[in-house]
Amino acid sequence: MTHSLFNTKEAADYLGVSKAFLERDRCYTGRIRFIKVGSRAVRYRLEDLNQFIESQVRRSTSHVAVSA
């Protein structure tokens, strides 16, 4: 089985967010798991992006997410 790896722009496009959103997430909140390849390259696995999407599902605007 092959694992799909996305660079930051590809991951941002997949999630419908900006590259800056992912960069801030990596530095400050760490909600989206990522892989560091070498000293600089950052990659995202498809399953981690989908897990983040699932973690954002809400039933109402007052619903609070439960951390995994």
N, C-alpha and C. Protein backbone atom coordinates (compact mmCIF):
# COMPACT_ATOMS: atom_id res chain seq x y z
N MET A 1 0.85 -1.18 0.00
CA MET A 1 0.00 0.00 0.00
C MET A 1 0.89 1.24 0.00
N THR A 2 0.56 2.20 -0.82
CA THR A 2 1.33 3.43 -0.87
C THR A 2 0.66 4.51 -0.03
N HIS A 3 1.48 5.33 0.56
CA HIS A 3 0.97 6.45 1.36
C HIS A 3 1.12 7.72 0.54
N SER A 4 0.06 8.50 0.49
CA SER A 4 0.13 9.77 -0.22
C SER A 4 0.71 10.82 0.70
N LEU A 5 1.74 11.51 0.23
CA LEU A 5 2.33 12.60 0.98
C LEU A 5 2.10 13.90 0.23
N PHE A 6 1.64 14.89 0.96
CA PHE A 6 1.35 16.19 0.38
C PHE A 6 2.33 17.21 0.93
N ASN A 7 2.81 18.12 0.08
CA ASN A 7 3.58 19.24 0.61
C ASN A 7 2.59 20.25 1.20
N THR A 8 3.09 21.33 1.76
CA THR A 8 2.21 22.28 2.46
C THR A 8 1.16 22.88 1.53
N LYS A 9 1.54 23.26 0.32
CA LYS A 9 0.57 23.84 -0.61
C LYS A 9 -0.51 22.84 -0.99
N GLU A 10 -0.11 21.61 -1.28
CA GLU A 10 -1.07 20.58 -1.65
C GLU A 10 -2.01 20.28 -0.49
N ALA A 11 -1.47 20.21 0.73
CA ALA A 11 -2.30 19.95 1.90
C ALA A 11 -3.28 21.10 2.13
N ALA A 12 -2.81 22.32 1.96
CA ALA A 12 -3.67 23.49 2.11
C ALA A 12 -4.80 23.46 1.09
N ASP A 13 -4.47 23.14 -0.15
CA ASP A 13 -5.50 23.04 -1.19
C ASP A 13 -6.50 21.95 -0.85
N TYR A 14 -6.04 20.82 -0.38
CA TYR A 14 -6.92 19.70 -0.02
C TYR A 14 -7.89 20.10 1.09
N LEU A 15 -7.38 20.83 2.08
CA LEU A 15 -8.21 21.24 3.22
C LEU A 15 -9.02 22.51 2.93
N GLY A 16 -8.65 23.24 1.90
CA GLY A 16 -9.34 24.49 1.60
C GLY A 16 -8.93 25.61 2.54
N VAL A 17 -7.66 25.59 2.96
CA VAL A 17 -7.12 26.63 3.85
C VAL A 17 -5.87 27.21 3.20
N SER A 18 -5.31 28.22 3.82
CA SER A 18 -4.09 28.83 3.29
C SER A 18 -2.85 28.07 3.79
N LYS A 19 -1.75 28.27 3.08
CA LYS A 19 -0.47 27.71 3.54
C LYS A 19 -0.13 28.28 4.91
N ALA A 20 -0.44 29.56 5.12
CA ALA A 20 -0.14 30.21 6.40
C ALA A 20 -0.89 29.53 7.55
N PHE A 21 -2.11 29.06 7.30
CA PHE A 21 -2.88 28.34 8.32
C PHE A 21 -2.09 27.12 8.78
N LEU A 22 -1.58 26.34 7.82
CA LEU A 22 -0.83 25.14 8.18
C LEU A 22 0.49 25.48 8.86
N GLU A 23 1.14 26.53 8.41
CA GLU A 23 2.40 26.95 9.04
C GLU A 23 2.17 27.38 10.48
N ARG A 24 1.09 28.13 10.72
CA ARG A 24 0.76 28.53 12.10
C ARG A 24 0.40 27.32 12.94
N ASP A 25 -0.34 26.39 12.36
CA ASP A 25 -0.72 25.19 13.09
C ASP A 25 0.51 24.41 13.53
N ARG A 26 1.48 24.26 12.65
CA ARG A 26 2.71 23.54 13.00
C ARG A 26 3.44 24.22 14.14
N CYS A 27 3.47 25.54 14.15
CA CYS A 27 4.23 26.28 15.16
C CYS A 27 3.50 26.43 16.49
N TYR A 28 2.19 26.58 16.45
CA TYR A 28 1.48 26.97 17.67
C TYR A 28 0.50 25.96 18.23
N THR A 29 -0.30 25.31 17.39
CA THR A 29 -1.34 24.45 17.95
C THR A 29 -1.09 22.97 17.74
N GLY A 30 -0.47 22.60 16.66
CA GLY A 30 -0.14 21.19 16.42
C GLY A 30 -1.35 20.29 16.28
N ARG A 31 -2.45 20.79 15.75
CA ARG A 31 -3.65 19.96 15.59
C ARG A 31 -3.52 18.99 14.44
N ILE A 32 -2.74 19.36 13.43
CA ILE A 32 -2.61 18.52 12.25
C ILE A 32 -1.22 17.87 12.25
N ARG A 33 -1.20 16.55 12.29
CA ARG A 33 0.07 15.83 12.30
C ARG A 33 0.79 16.01 10.97
N PHE A 34 2.12 16.05 11.02
CA PHE A 34 2.92 16.20 9.81
C PHE A 34 4.20 15.41 9.95
N ILE A 35 4.89 15.25 8.84
CA ILE A 35 6.15 14.51 8.80
C ILE A 35 7.26 15.47 8.40
N LYS A 36 8.36 15.43 9.09
CA LYS A 36 9.52 16.23 8.74
C LYS A 36 10.48 15.33 7.97
N VAL A 37 10.76 15.68 6.74
CA VAL A 37 11.64 14.90 5.87
C VAL A 37 12.94 15.69 5.74
N GLY A 38 14.01 15.15 6.26
CA GLY A 38 15.27 15.89 6.25
C GLY A 38 15.19 17.04 7.22
N SER A 39 15.94 18.09 6.93
CA SER A 39 15.99 19.21 7.86
C SER A 39 14.95 20.29 7.57
N ARG A 40 14.35 20.27 6.37
CA ARG A 40 13.44 21.36 6.02
C ARG A 40 12.09 20.94 5.45
N ALA A 41 12.04 19.85 4.75
CA ALA A 41 10.81 19.47 4.04
C ALA A 41 9.74 18.98 5.02
N VAL A 42 8.55 19.49 4.83
CA VAL A 42 7.39 19.09 5.63
C VAL A 42 6.40 18.41 4.71
N ARG A 43 5.87 17.29 5.14
CA ARG A 43 4.88 16.56 4.35
C ARG A 43 3.72 16.16 5.25
N TYR A 44 2.55 16.02 4.65
CA TYR A 44 1.34 15.61 5.34
C TYR A 44 0.84 14.32 4.73
N ARG A 45 0.41 13.38 5.58
CA ARG A 45 -0.19 12.14 5.09
C ARG A 45 -1.69 12.37 4.90
N LEU A 46 -2.24 11.74 3.89
CA LEU A 46 -3.66 11.87 3.60
C LEU A 46 -4.50 11.48 4.81
N GLU A 47 -4.13 10.40 5.48
CA GLU A 47 -4.93 9.96 6.63
C GLU A 47 -4.91 10.98 7.76
N ASP A 48 -3.81 11.72 7.94
CA ASP A 48 -3.76 12.76 8.97
C ASP A 48 -4.62 13.96 8.59
N LEU A 49 -4.64 14.30 7.31
CA LEU A 49 -5.51 15.39 6.87
C LEU A 49 -6.98 15.02 7.06
N ASN A 50 -7.32 13.79 6.70
CA ASN A 50 -8.71 13.34 6.88
C ASN A 50 -9.08 13.26 8.36
N GLN A 51 -8.14 12.86 9.20
CA GLN A 51 -8.41 12.81 10.64
C GLN A 51 -8.69 14.22 11.18
N PHE A 52 -7.93 15.20 10.70
CA PHE A 52 -8.18 16.58 11.11
C PHE A 52 -9.58 17.02 10.68
N ILE A 53 -9.94 16.69 9.44
CA ILE A 53 -11.28 17.06 8.95
C ILE A 53 -12.34 16.46 9.86
N GLU A 54 -12.22 15.20 10.19
CA GLU A 54 -13.20 14.53 11.06
C GLU A 54 -13.24 15.17 12.44
N SER A 55 -12.11 15.64 12.93
CA SER A 55 -12.07 16.26 14.26
C SER A 55 -12.78 17.61 14.29
N GLN A 56 -13.04 18.17 13.13
CA GLN A 56 -13.68 19.48 13.05
C GLN A 56 -15.19 19.42 12.89
N VAL A 57 -15.76 18.23 12.82
CA VAL A 57 -17.21 18.08 12.65
C VAL A 57 -17.91 18.55 13.92
N ARG A 58 -18.91 19.37 13.74
CA ARG A 58 -19.68 19.93 14.87
C ARG A 58 -21.17 19.70 14.64
N ARG A 59 -21.92 19.64 15.71
CA ARG A 59 -23.37 19.52 15.63
C ARG A 59 -24.05 20.87 15.72
N SER A 60 -23.37 21.83 16.32
CA SER A 60 -23.92 23.19 16.40
C SER A 60 -22.74 24.15 16.59
N THR A 61 -23.03 25.44 16.50
CA THR A 61 -21.97 26.43 16.66
C THR A 61 -21.46 26.50 18.09
N SER A 62 -22.23 25.97 19.04
CA SER A 62 -21.79 26.00 20.45
C SER A 62 -21.08 24.72 20.85
N HIS A 63 -21.01 23.74 19.94
CA HIS A 63 -20.36 22.47 20.23
C HIS A 63 -18.85 22.66 20.37
N VAL A 64 -18.27 22.13 21.44
CA VAL A 64 -16.85 22.23 21.68
C VAL A 64 -16.18 20.92 21.28
N ALA A 65 -15.06 21.04 20.55
CA ALA A 65 -14.33 19.85 20.11
C ALA A 65 -13.65 19.18 21.30
N VAL A 66 -13.59 17.86 21.25
CA VAL A 66 -12.89 17.10 22.27
C VAL A 66 -11.53 16.74 21.69
N SER A 67 -10.46 17.07 22.40
CA SER A 67 -9.12 16.77 21.90
C SER A 67 -8.88 15.28 21.87
N ALA A 68 -8.20 14.85 20.81
CA ALA A 68 -7.89 13.43 20.65
C ALA A 68 -6.63 13.06 21.39
